[in-house]
Amino acid sequence: MPEEKKPEACSSCNGTGQRTCSRCGGTGSDAFVESVICIHCDASGRVECAACGGKGEREKL
């Protein structure tokens, strides 16, 4: 029987499912105009981790 793969914490986001927004650096504001919200992260300063799809875990290889 093949061994079952178990999920492990995503190393890209440390298991949170989110990463710091690269456009605003996590501030939630536009990098050039502070009074304007960042449209990439909707002012949260965080975006879904692309490596795990926001799940926070990936299958162990």
C-alpha atoms as a PDB file:
ATOM      1  CA  MET A   1       0.000   0.000   0.000  1.00  0.00           C
ATOM      2  CA  PRO A   2       1.249   3.507  -0.744  1.00  0.00           C
ATOM      3  CA  GLU A   3       2.039   5.605   2.274  1.00  0.00           C
ATOM      4  CA  GLU A   4      -0.522   8.334   2.999  1.00  0.00           C
ATOM      5  CA  LYS A   5       0.810  11.863   2.591  1.00  0.00           C
ATOM      6  CA  LYS A   6       0.132  14.057   5.597  1.00  0.00           C
ATOM      7  CA  PRO A   7      -0.173  17.824   5.351  1.00  0.00           C
ATOM      8  CA  GLU A   8       2.429  20.030   6.975  1.00  0.00           C
ATOM      9  CA  ALA A   9       2.477  23.749   7.742  1.00  0.00           C
ATOM     10  CA  CYS A  10       3.193  25.832   4.658  1.00  0.00           C
ATOM     11  CA  SER A  11       6.743  27.146   4.839  1.00  0.00           C
ATOM     12  CA  SER A  12       5.890  30.219   2.744  1.00  0.00           C
ATOM     13  CA  CYS A  13       3.345  31.603   5.223  1.00  0.00           C
ATOM     14  CA  ASN A  14       4.331  29.687   8.387  1.00  0.00           C
ATOM     15  CA  GLY A  15       0.934  27.995   8.434  1.00  0.00           C
ATOM     16  CA  THR A  16      -1.135  31.187   8.595  1.00  0.00           C
ATOM     17  CA  GLY A  17      -2.496  31.044   5.037  1.00  0.00           C
ATOM     18  CA  GLN A  18      -1.620  34.709   4.561  1.00  0.00           C
ATOM     19  CA  ARG A  19       1.428  36.748   3.645  1.00  0.00           C
ATOM     20  CA  THR A  20       2.312  40.404   4.013  1.00  0.00           C
ATOM     21  CA  CYS A  21       1.051  42.408   1.049  1.00  0.00           C
ATOM     22  CA  SER A  22       3.981  43.190  -1.235  1.00  0.00           C
ATOM     23  CA  ARG A  23       2.322  46.306  -2.663  1.00  0.00           C
ATOM     24  CA  CYS A  24       1.859  48.190   0.616  1.00  0.00           C
ATOM     25  CA  GLY A  25       4.366  46.348   2.799  1.00  0.00           C
ATOM     26  CA  GLY A  26       1.634  45.426   5.259  1.00  0.00           C
ATOM     27  CA  THR A  27       0.517  48.980   6.012  1.00  0.00           C
ATOM     28  CA  GLY A  28      -2.821  48.733   4.198  1.00  0.00           C
ATOM     29  CA  SER A  29      -2.163  52.122   2.591  1.00  0.00           C
ATOM     30  CA  ASP A  30      -0.956  52.977  -0.887  1.00  0.00           C
ATOM     31  CA  ALA A  31       2.835  53.156  -0.968  1.00  0.00           C
ATOM     32  CA  PHE A  32       2.783  56.634  -2.544  1.00  0.00           C
ATOM     33  CA  VAL A  33      -0.354  58.228  -1.085  1.00  0.00           C
ATOM     34  CA  GLU A  34      -0.788  57.285   2.573  1.00  0.00           C
ATOM     35  CA  SER A  35      -4.438  58.386   2.745  1.00  0.00           C
ATOM     36  CA  VAL A  36      -5.433  55.944  -0.035  1.00  0.00           C
ATOM     37  CA  ILE A  37      -6.121  52.311   0.851  1.00  0.00           C
ATOM     38  CA  CYS A  38      -4.184  49.558  -0.877  1.00  0.00           C
ATOM     39  CA  ILE A  39      -6.450  47.938  -3.459  1.00  0.00           C
ATOM     40  CA  HIS A  40      -4.294  44.801  -3.641  1.00  0.00           C
ATOM     41  CA  CYS A  41      -5.061  43.738  -0.046  1.00  0.00           C
ATOM     42  CA  ASP A  42      -8.193  45.858   0.528  1.00  0.00           C
ATOM     43  CA  ALA A  43      -6.407  47.745   3.327  1.00  0.00           C
ATOM     44  CA  SER A  44      -5.794  44.617   5.425  1.00  0.00           C
ATOM     45  CA  GLY A  45      -2.041  44.535   4.834  1.00  0.00           C
ATOM     46  CA  ARG A  46      -2.266  40.772   4.201  1.00  0.00           C
ATOM     47  CA  VAL A  47      -2.940  38.668   1.084  1.00  0.00           C
ATOM     48  CA  GLU A  48      -3.697  34.986   0.562  1.00  0.00           C
ATOM     49  CA  CYS A  49      -0.599  32.828   0.364  1.00  0.00           C
ATOM     50  CA  ALA A  50      -0.177  31.691  -3.244  1.00  0.00           C
ATOM     51  CA  ALA A  51       1.877  28.645  -2.266  1.00  0.00           C
ATOM     52  CA  CYS A  52      -0.892  26.988  -0.220  1.00  0.00           C
ATOM     53  CA  GLY A  53      -3.959  28.792  -1.551  1.00  0.00           C
ATOM     54  CA  GLY A  54      -4.712  30.258   1.871  1.00  0.00           C
ATOM     55  CA  LYS A  55      -5.023  26.849   3.555  1.00  0.00           C
ATOM     56  CA  GLY A  56      -1.916  27.227   5.694  1.00  0.00           C
ATOM     57  CA  GLU A  57      -0.737  23.707   4.902  1.00  0.00           C
ATOM     58  CA  ARG A  58       0.612  21.683   2.012  1.00  0.00           C
ATOM     59  CA  GLU A  59       1.106  17.982   1.429  1.00  0.00           C
ATOM     60  CA  LYS A  60       4.430  16.758   2.681  1.00  0.00           C
ATOM     61  CA  LEU A  61       6.576  15.622  -0.224  1.00  0.00           C
END
